[in-house]
Amino acid sequence: VECAAPEFDHACTPETGFCRAGTRFVPTKLVDVAGL
């Protein structure tokens, strides 16, 4: 997700996920489902 923090002239300080070069990496669950 494009980080919104630069629009407010601040750097973000993520507690979930991380931010790299203006791109926010937001966590989601990925389930590797077996048995197909």
PDB file of all heavy atoms in Angstrom:
ATOM      1  N   VAL A   1       0.871  -1.177   0.000  1.00  0.00           N
ATOM      2  CA  VAL A   1       0.000   0.000   0.000  1.00  0.00           C
ATOM      3  C   VAL A   1       0.904   1.222   0.000  1.00  0.00           C
ATOM      4  O   VAL A   1       1.869   1.277   0.777  1.00  0.00           O
ATOM      5  CB  VAL A   1      -0.918   0.024   1.243  1.00  0.00           C
ATOM      6  CG1 VAL A   1      -1.768   1.286   1.259  1.00  0.00           C
ATOM      7  CG2 VAL A   1      -1.803  -1.219   1.293  1.00  0.00           C
ATOM      8  N   GLU A   2       0.620   2.181  -0.855  1.00  0.00           N
ATOM      9  CA  GLU A   2       1.408   3.407  -0.849  1.00  0.00           C
ATOM     10  C   GLU A   2       1.258   4.085   0.509  1.00  0.00           C
ATOM     11  O   GLU A   2       0.141   4.355   0.962  1.00  0.00           O
ATOM     12  CB  GLU A   2       0.943   4.341  -1.964  1.00  0.00           C
ATOM     13  CG  GLU A   2       1.760   5.616  -2.063  1.00  0.00           C
ATOM     14  CD  GLU A   2       1.224   6.578  -3.103  1.00  0.00           C
ATOM     15  OE1 GLU A   2       0.279   6.211  -3.843  1.00  0.00           O
ATOM     16  OE2 GLU A   2       1.735   7.723  -3.163  1.00  0.00           O
ATOM     17  N   CYS A   3       2.377   4.335   1.165  1.00  0.00           N
ATOM     18  CA  CYS A   3       2.331   4.906   2.512  1.00  0.00           C
ATOM     19  C   CYS A   3       1.772   6.330   2.468  1.00  0.00           C
ATOM     20  O   CYS A   3       2.117   7.130   1.595  1.00  0.00           O
ATOM     21  CB  CYS A   3       3.723   4.911   3.132  1.00  0.00           C
ATOM     22  SG  CYS A   3       3.719   5.405   4.877  1.00  0.00           S
ATOM     23  N   ALA A   4       0.916   6.646   3.446  1.00  0.00           N
ATOM     24  CA  ALA A   4       0.300   7.975   3.508  1.00  0.00           C
ATOM     25  C   ALA A   4       1.123   8.964   4.324  1.00  0.00           C
ATOM     26  O   ALA A   4       0.882  10.173   4.269  1.00  0.00           O
ATOM     27  CB  ALA A   4      -1.108   7.870   4.105  1.00  0.00           C
ATOM     28  N   ALA A   5       2.101   8.464   5.075  1.00  0.00           N
ATOM     29  CA  ALA A   5       2.844   9.343   5.988  1.00  0.00           C
ATOM     30  C   ALA A   5       3.533  10.519   5.293  1.00  0.00           C
ATOM     31  O   ALA A   5       3.509  11.636   5.824  1.00  0.00           O
ATOM     32  CB  ALA A   5       3.856   8.517   6.781  1.00  0.00           C
ATOM     33  N   PRO A   6       4.155  10.319   4.123  1.00  0.00           N
ATOM     34  CA  PRO A   6       4.830  11.467   3.495  1.00  0.00           C
ATOM     35  C   PRO A   6       3.893  12.635   3.205  1.00  0.00           C
ATOM     36  O   PRO A   6       4.350  13.788   3.154  1.00  0.00           O
ATOM     37  CB  PRO A   6       5.374  10.861   2.187  1.00  0.00           C
ATOM     38  CG  PRO A   6       5.573   9.412   2.494  1.00  0.00           C
ATOM     39  CD  PRO A   6       4.431   9.066   3.395  1.00  0.00           C
ATOM     40  N   GLU A   7       2.603  12.373   3.030  1.00  0.00           N
ATOM     41  CA  GLU A   7       1.649  13.457   2.779  1.00  0.00           C
ATOM     42  C   GLU A   7       1.519  14.380   3.990  1.00  0.00           C
ATOM     43  O   GLU A   7       1.037  15.509   3.878  1.00  0.00           O
ATOM     44  CB  GLU A   7       0.275  12.883   2.419  1.00  0.00           C
ATOM     45  CG  GLU A   7       0.275  12.026   1.168  1.00  0.00           C
ATOM     46  CD  GLU A   7      -1.079  11.391   0.923  1.00  0.00           C
ATOM     47  OE1 GLU A   7      -2.099  12.103   1.056  1.00  0.00           O
ATOM     48  OE2 GLU A   7      -1.128  10.179   0.620  1.00  0.00           O
ATOM     49  N   PHE A   8       1.944  13.868   5.164  1.00  0.00           N
ATOM     50  CA  PHE A   8       1.862  14.655   6.401  1.00  0.00           C
ATOM     51  C   PHE A   8       3.249  15.105   6.856  1.00  0.00           C
ATOM     52  O   PHE A   8       3.433  15.516   8.000  1.00  0.00           O
ATOM     53  CB  PHE A   8       1.183  13.823   7.493  1.00  0.00           C
ATOM     54  CG  PHE A   8      -0.240  13.459   7.183  1.00  0.00           C
ATOM     55  CD1 PHE A   8      -0.539  12.340   6.411  1.00  0.00           C
ATOM     56  CD2 PHE A   8      -1.295  14.242   7.634  1.00  0.00           C
ATOM     57  CE1 PHE A   8      -1.850  12.002   6.108  1.00  0.00           C
ATOM     58  CE2 PHE A   8      -2.609  13.913   7.334  1.00  0.00           C
ATOM     59  CZ  PHE A   8      -2.892  12.799   6.558  1.00  0.00           C
ATOM     60  N   ASP A   9       4.237  14.954   5.930  1.00  0.00           N
ATOM     61  CA  ASP A   9       5.618  15.396   6.200  1.00  0.00           C
ATOM     62  C   ASP A   9       6.237  14.687   7.398  1.00  0.00           C
ATOM     63  O   ASP A   9       6.978  15.293   8.185  1.00  0.00           O
ATOM     64  CB  ASP A   9       5.674  16.918   6.406  1.00  0.00           C
ATOM     65  CG  ASP A   9       5.241  17.683   5.164  1.00  0.00           C
ATOM     66  OD1 ASP A   9       5.578  17.231   4.050  1.00  0.00           O
ATOM     67  OD2 ASP A   9       4.546  18.712   5.316  1.00  0.00           O
ATOM     68  N   HIS A  10       5.909  13.405   7.533  1.00  0.00           N
ATOM     69  CA  HIS A  10       6.500  12.591   8.591  1.00  0.00           C
ATOM     70  C   HIS A  10       6.887  11.231   8.020  1.00  0.00           C
ATOM     71  O   HIS A  10       6.350  10.798   6.985  1.00  0.00           O
ATOM     72  CB  HIS A  10       5.514  12.371   9.743  1.00  0.00           C
ATOM     73  CG  HIS A  10       5.300  13.572  10.604  1.00  0.00           C
ATOM     74  ND1 HIS A  10       6.264  14.086  11.440  1.00  0.00           N
ATOM     75  CD2 HIS A  10       4.213  14.380  10.757  1.00  0.00           C
ATOM     76  CE1 HIS A  10       5.792  15.147  12.072  1.00  0.00           C
ATOM     77  NE2 HIS A  10       4.550  15.348  11.679  1.00  0.00           N
ATOM     78  N   ALA A  11       7.806  10.581   8.711  1.00  0.00           N
ATOM     79  CA  ALA A  11       8.114   9.189   8.404  1.00  0.00           C
ATOM     80  C   ALA A  11       7.248   8.315   9.299  1.00  0.00           C
ATOM     81  O   ALA A  11       7.013   8.643  10.472  1.00  0.00           O
ATOM     82  CB  ALA A  11       9.590   8.907   8.649  1.00  0.00           C
ATOM     83  N   CYS A  12       6.749   7.222   8.749  1.00  0.00           N
ATOM     84  CA  CYS A  12       5.917   6.343   9.568  1.00  0.00           C
ATOM     85  C   CYS A  12       6.793   5.457  10.454  1.00  0.00           C
ATOM     86  O   CYS A  12       7.977   5.254  10.180  1.00  0.00           O
ATOM     87  CB  CYS A  12       5.018   5.471   8.684  1.00  0.00           C
ATOM     88  SG  CYS A  12       5.912   4.277   7.670  1.00  0.00           S
ATOM     89  N   THR A  13       6.188   4.968  11.526  1.00  0.00           N
ATOM     90  CA  THR A  13       6.877   4.055  12.445  1.00  0.00           C
ATOM     91  C   THR A  13       5.985   2.832  12.653  1.00  0.00           C
ATOM     92  O   THR A  13       5.275   2.726  13.658  1.00  0.00           O
ATOM     93  CB  THR A  13       7.162   4.735  13.796  1.00  0.00           C
ATOM     94  OG1 THR A  13       5.951   5.354  14.269  1.00  0.00           O
ATOM     95  CG2 THR A  13       8.237   5.790  13.652  1.00  0.00           C
ATOM     96  N   PRO A  14       5.987   1.908  11.707  1.00  0.00           N
ATOM     97  CA  PRO A  14       5.046   0.781  11.749  1.00  0.00           C
ATOM     98  C   PRO A  14       5.276  -0.139  12.951  1.00  0.00           C
ATOM     99  O   PRO A  14       6.411  -0.451  13.305  1.00  0.00           O
ATOM    100  CB  PRO A  14       5.336   0.033  10.444  1.00  0.00           C
ATOM    101  CG  PRO A  14       6.071   1.004   9.578  1.00  0.00           C
ATOM    102  CD  PRO A  14       6.840   1.875  10.511  1.00  0.00           C
ATOM    103  N   GLU A  15       4.168  -0.541  13.548  1.00  0.00           N
ATOM    104  CA  GLU A  15       4.211  -1.576  14.580  1.00  0.00           C
ATOM    105  C   GLU A  15       3.773  -2.921  14.007  1.00  0.00           C
ATOM    106  O   GLU A  15       4.024  -3.966  14.595  1.00  0.00           O
ATOM    107  CB  GLU A  15       3.337  -1.191  15.767  1.00  0.00           C
ATOM    108  CG  GLU A  15       3.901  -0.014  16.554  1.00  0.00           C
ATOM    109  CD  GLU A  15       3.144   0.232  17.844  1.00  0.00           C
ATOM    110  OE1 GLU A  15       2.089  -0.407  18.060  1.00  0.00           O
ATOM    111  OE2 GLU A  15       3.608   1.076  18.644  1.00  0.00           O
ATOM    112  N   THR A  16       3.072  -2.875  12.880  1.00  0.00           N
ATOM    113  CA  THR A  16       2.715  -4.101  12.161  1.00  0.00           C
ATOM    114  C   THR A  16       3.201  -3.931  10.730  1.00  0.00           C
ATOM    115  O   THR A  16       3.032  -2.866  10.138  1.00  0.00           O
ATOM    116  CB  THR A  16       1.199  -4.347  12.153  1.00  0.00           C
ATOM    117  OG1 THR A  16       0.528  -3.189  11.611  1.00  0.00           O
ATOM    118  CG2 THR A  16       0.679  -4.604  13.555  1.00  0.00           C
ATOM    119  N   GLY A  17       3.816  -4.977  10.191  1.00  0.00           N
ATOM    120  CA  GLY A  17       4.378  -4.860   8.864  1.00  0.00           C
ATOM    121  C   GLY A  17       5.599  -3.962   8.873  1.00  0.00           C
ATOM    122  O   GLY A  17       6.250  -3.751   9.904  1.00  0.00           O
ATOM    123  N   PHE A  18       5.912  -3.382   7.714  1.00  0.00           N
ATOM    124  CA  PHE A  18       7.072  -2.507   7.615  1.00  0.00           C
ATOM    125  C   PHE A  18       6.878  -1.576   6.424  1.00  0.00           C
ATOM    126  O   PHE A  18       5.954  -1.745   5.616  1.00  0.00           O
ATOM    127  CB  PHE A  18       8.366  -3.310   7.466  1.00  0.00           C
ATOM    128  CG  PHE A  18       8.409  -4.216   6.259  1.00  0.00           C
ATOM    129  CD1 PHE A  18       9.023  -3.814   5.083  1.00  0.00           C
ATOM    130  CD2 PHE A  18       7.841  -5.493   6.304  1.00  0.00           C
ATOM    131  CE1 PHE A  18       9.071  -4.638   3.970  1.00  0.00           C
ATOM    132  CE2 PHE A  18       7.898  -6.334   5.201  1.00  0.00           C
ATOM    133  CZ  PHE A  18       8.510  -5.906   4.024  1.00  0.00           C
ATOM    134  N   CYS A  19       7.732  -0.572   6.348  1.00  0.00           N
ATOM    135  CA  CYS A  19       7.666   0.384   5.251  1.00  0.00           C
ATOM    136  C   CYS A  19       9.045   0.464   4.614  1.00  0.00           C
ATOM    137  O   CYS A  19      10.062   0.514   5.319  1.00  0.00           O
ATOM    138  CB  CYS A  19       7.232   1.761   5.758  1.00  0.00           C
ATOM    139  SG  CYS A  19       6.755   2.915   4.438  1.00  0.00           S
ATOM    140  N   ARG A  20       9.057   0.444   3.280  1.00  0.00           N
ATOM    141  CA  ARG A  20      10.330   0.505   2.576  1.00  0.00           C
ATOM    142  C   ARG A  20      10.190   1.415   1.367  1.00  0.00           C
ATOM    143  O   ARG A  20       9.389   1.142   0.477  1.00  0.00           O
ATOM    144  CB  ARG A  20      10.762  -0.901   2.152  1.00  0.00           C
ATOM    145  CG  ARG A  20      12.173  -0.973   1.602  1.00  0.00           C
ATOM    146  CD  ARG A  20      12.626  -2.404   1.468  1.00  0.00           C
ATOM    147  NE  ARG A  20      13.962  -2.469   0.885  1.00  0.00           N
ATOM    148  CZ  ARG A  20      14.622  -3.597   0.642  1.00  0.00           C
ATOM    149  NH1 ARG A  20      14.066  -4.765   0.944  1.00  0.00           N
ATOM    150  NH2 ARG A  20      15.819  -3.567   0.094  1.00  0.00           N
ATOM    151  N   ALA A  21      10.958   2.496   1.376  1.00  0.00           N
ATOM    152  CA  ALA A  21      10.993   3.444   0.263  1.00  0.00           C
ATOM    153  C   ALA A  21       9.600   3.901  -0.138  1.00  0.00           C
ATOM    154  O   ALA A  21       9.252   3.945  -1.316  1.00  0.00           O
ATOM    155  CB  ALA A  21      11.723   2.836  -0.929  1.00  0.00           C
ATOM    156  N   GLY A  22       8.778   4.244   0.867  1.00  0.00           N
ATOM    157  CA  GLY A  22       7.459   4.798   0.597  1.00  0.00           C
ATOM    158  C   GLY A  22       6.363   3.781   0.335  1.00  0.00           C
ATOM    159  O   GLY A  22       5.226   4.172   0.048  1.00  0.00           O
ATOM    160  N   THR A  23       6.699   2.510   0.431  1.00  0.00           N
ATOM    161  CA  THR A  23       5.689   1.465   0.254  1.00  0.00           C
ATOM    162  C   THR A  23       5.474   0.745   1.573  1.00  0.00           C
ATOM    163  O   THR A  23       6.433   0.235   2.171  1.00  0.00           O
ATOM    164  CB  THR A  23       6.113   0.448  -0.825  1.00  0.00           C
ATOM    165  OG1 THR A  23       6.204   1.111  -2.080  1.00  0.00           O
ATOM    166  CG2 THR A  23       5.108  -0.679  -0.941  1.00  0.00           C
ATOM    167  N   ARG A  24       4.234   0.740   2.023  1.00  0.00           N
ATOM    168  CA  ARG A  24       3.877   0.063   3.268  1.00  0.00           C
ATOM    169  C   ARG A  24       3.551  -1.391   2.950  1.00  0.00           C
ATOM    170  O   ARG A  24       2.754  -1.684   2.047  1.00  0.00           O
ATOM    171  CB  ARG A  24       2.665   0.750   3.889  1.00  0.00           C
ATOM    172  CG  ARG A  24       2.340   0.350   5.320  1.00  0.00           C
ATOM    173  CD  ARG A  24       3.326   0.950   6.303  1.00  0.00           C
ATOM    174  NE  ARG A  24       2.879   0.701   7.658  1.00  0.00           N
ATOM    175  CZ  ARG A  24       2.452   1.659   8.492  1.00  0.00           C
ATOM    176  NH1 ARG A  24       2.419   2.909   8.104  1.00  0.00           N
ATOM    177  NH2 ARG A  24       2.060   1.358   9.711  1.00  0.00           N
ATOM    178  N   PHE A  25       4.157  -2.322   3.662  1.00  0.00           N
ATOM    179  CA  PHE A  25       3.885  -3.745   3.511  1.00  0.00           C
ATOM    180  C   PHE A  25       2.998  -4.174   4.677  1.00  0.00           C
ATOM    181  O   PHE A  25       3.438  -4.224   5.828  1.00  0.00           O
ATOM    182  CB  PHE A  25       5.195  -4.541   3.473  1.00  0.00           C
ATOM    183  CG  PHE A  25       5.950  -4.379   2.178  1.00  0.00           C
ATOM    184  CD1 PHE A  25       6.731  -3.248   1.952  1.00  0.00           C
ATOM    185  CD2 PHE A  25       5.860  -5.335   1.176  1.00  0.00           C
ATOM    186  CE1 PHE A  25       7.413  -3.081   0.749  1.00  0.00           C
ATOM    187  CE2 PHE A  25       6.531  -5.188  -0.029  1.00  0.00           C
ATOM    188  CZ  PHE A  25       7.317  -4.057  -0.239  1.00  0.00           C
ATOM    189  N   VAL A  26       1.734  -4.418   4.357  1.00  0.00           N
ATOM    190  CA  VAL A  26       0.708  -4.665   5.370  1.00  0.00           C
ATOM    191  C   VAL A  26       0.504  -6.173   5.515  1.00  0.00           C
ATOM    192  O   VAL A  26       0.298  -6.885   4.520  1.00  0.00           O
ATOM    193  CB  VAL A  26      -0.617  -3.994   4.964  1.00  0.00           C
ATOM    194  CG1 VAL A  26      -1.678  -4.205   6.041  1.00  0.00           C
ATOM    195  CG2 VAL A  26      -0.394  -2.499   4.717  1.00  0.00           C
ATOM    196  N   PRO A  27       0.538  -6.706   6.748  1.00  0.00           N
ATOM    197  CA  PRO A  27       0.456  -8.163   6.931  1.00  0.00           C
ATOM    198  C   PRO A  27      -0.907  -8.736   6.551  1.00  0.00           C
ATOM    199  O   PRO A  27      -1.951  -8.105   6.726  1.00  0.00           O
ATOM    200  CB  PRO A  27       0.691  -8.347   8.441  1.00  0.00           C
ATOM    201  CG  PRO A  27       1.239  -7.063   8.931  1.00  0.00           C
ATOM    202  CD  PRO A  27       0.731  -6.007   8.022  1.00  0.00           C
ATOM    203  N   THR A  28      -0.869  -9.940   6.018  1.00  0.00           N
ATOM    204  CA  THR A  28      -2.074 -10.733   5.787  1.00  0.00           C
ATOM    205  C   THR A  28      -1.705 -12.191   6.006  1.00  0.00           C
ATOM    206  O   THR A  28      -0.532 -12.561   5.922  1.00  0.00           O
ATOM    207  CB  THR A  28      -2.638 -10.508   4.368  1.00  0.00           C
ATOM    208  OG1 THR A  28      -3.900 -11.157   4.256  1.00  0.00           O
ATOM    209  CG2 THR A  28      -1.698 -11.052   3.310  1.00  0.00           C
ATOM    210  N   LYS A  29      -2.684 -13.024   6.314  1.00  0.00           N
ATOM    211  CA  LYS A  29      -2.422 -14.442   6.550  1.00  0.00           C
ATOM    212  C   LYS A  29      -2.428 -15.209   5.227  1.00  0.00           C
ATOM    213  O   LYS A  29      -3.330 -15.040   4.407  1.00  0.00           O
ATOM    214  CB  LYS A  29      -3.471 -15.042   7.492  1.00  0.00           C
ATOM    215  CG  LYS A  29      -3.497 -14.434   8.885  1.00  0.00           C
ATOM    216  CD  LYS A  29      -2.224 -14.727   9.640  1.00  0.00           C
ATOM    217  CE  LYS A  29      -2.291 -14.168  11.070  1.00  0.00           C
ATOM    218  NZ  LYS A  29      -1.020 -14.345  11.781  1.00  0.00           N
ATOM    219  N   LEU A  30      -1.414 -16.046   5.039  1.00  0.00           N
ATOM    220  CA  LEU A  30      -1.346 -16.909   3.869  1.00  0.00           C
ATOM    221  C   LEU A  30      -1.362 -18.351   4.349  1.00  0.00           C
ATOM    222  O   LEU A  30      -0.540 -18.752   5.179  1.00  0.00           O
ATOM    223  CB  LEU A  30      -0.077 -16.629   3.068  1.00  0.00           C
ATOM    224  CG  LEU A  30       0.063 -17.381   1.744  1.00  0.00           C
ATOM    225  CD1 LEU A  30      -1.050 -17.005   0.775  1.00  0.00           C
ATOM    226  CD2 LEU A  30       1.427 -17.094   1.104  1.00  0.00           C
ATOM    227  N   VAL A  31      -2.327 -19.125   3.846  1.00  0.00           N
ATOM    228  CA  VAL A  31      -2.523 -20.503   4.289  1.00  0.00           C
ATOM    229  C   VAL A  31      -2.166 -21.444   3.147  1.00  0.00           C
ATOM    230  O   VAL A  31      -2.794 -21.417   2.085  1.00  0.00           O
ATOM    231  CB  VAL A  31      -3.992 -20.749   4.723  1.00  0.00           C
ATOM    232  CG1 VAL A  31      -4.156 -22.172   5.248  1.00  0.00           C
ATOM    233  CG2 VAL A  31      -4.420 -19.733   5.769  1.00  0.00           C
ATOM    234  N   ASP A  32      -1.156 -22.265   3.364  1.00  0.00           N
ATOM    235  CA  ASP A  32      -0.743 -23.264   2.382  1.00  0.00           C
ATOM    236  C   ASP A  32      -1.596 -24.507   2.616  1.00  0.00           C
ATOM    237  O   ASP A  32      -1.343 -25.292   3.525  1.00  0.00           O
ATOM    238  CB  ASP A  32       0.744 -23.569   2.567  1.00  0.00           C
ATOM    239  CG  ASP A  32       1.293 -24.491   1.496  1.00  0.00           C
ATOM    240  OD1 ASP A  32       0.545 -24.848   0.576  1.00  0.00           O
ATOM    241  OD2 ASP A  32       2.484 -24.861   1.588  1.00  0.00           O
ATOM    242  N   VAL A  33      -2.644 -24.672   1.797  1.00  0.00           N
ATOM    243  CA  VAL A  33      -3.629 -25.735   2.020  1.00  0.00           C
ATOM    244  C   VAL A  33      -3.200 -27.008   1.293  1.00  0.00           C
ATOM    245  O   VAL A  33      -2.942 -26.994   0.090  1.00  0.00           O
ATOM    246  CB  VAL A  33      -5.025 -25.302   1.537  1.00  0.00           C
ATOM    247  CG1 VAL A  33      -6.051 -26.388   1.823  1.00  0.00           C
ATOM    248  CG2 VAL A  33      -5.436 -23.993   2.201  1.00  0.00           C
ATOM    249  N   ALA A  34      -3.135 -28.111   2.032  1.00  0.00           N
ATOM    250  CA  ALA A  34      -2.675 -29.382   1.472  1.00  0.00           C
ATOM    251  C   ALA A  34      -3.841 -30.267   1.056  1.00  0.00           C
ATOM    252  O   ALA A  34      -4.943 -30.139   1.578  1.00  0.00           O
ATOM    253  CB  ALA A  34      -1.842 -30.124   2.515  1.00  0.00           C
ATOM    254  N   GLY A  35      -3.581 -31.152   0.102  1.00  0.00           N
ATOM    255  CA  GLY A  35      -4.522 -32.241  -0.157  1.00  0.00           C
ATOM    256  C   GLY A  35      -5.308 -32.167  -1.435  1.00  0.00           C
ATOM    257  O   GLY A  35      -6.280 -32.905  -1.595  1.00  0.00           O
ATOM    258  N   LEU A  36      -4.918 -31.312  -2.379  1.00  0.00           N
ATOM    259  CA  LEU A  36      -5.665 -31.213  -3.628  1.00  0.00           C
ATOM    260  C   LEU A  36      -5.242 -32.320  -4.582  1.00  0.00           C
ATOM    261  O   LEU A  36      -4.142 -32.297  -5.136  1.00  0.00           O
ATOM    262  CB  LEU A  36      -5.439 -29.850  -4.291  1.00  0.00           C
ATOM    263  CG  LEU A  36      -6.109 -29.667  -5.663  1.00  0.00           C
ATOM    264  CD1 LEU A  36      -7.621 -29.839  -5.559  1.00  0.00           C
ATOM    265  CD2 LEU A  36      -5.765 -28.325  -6.259  1.00  0.00           C
TER     266      LEU A  36
END
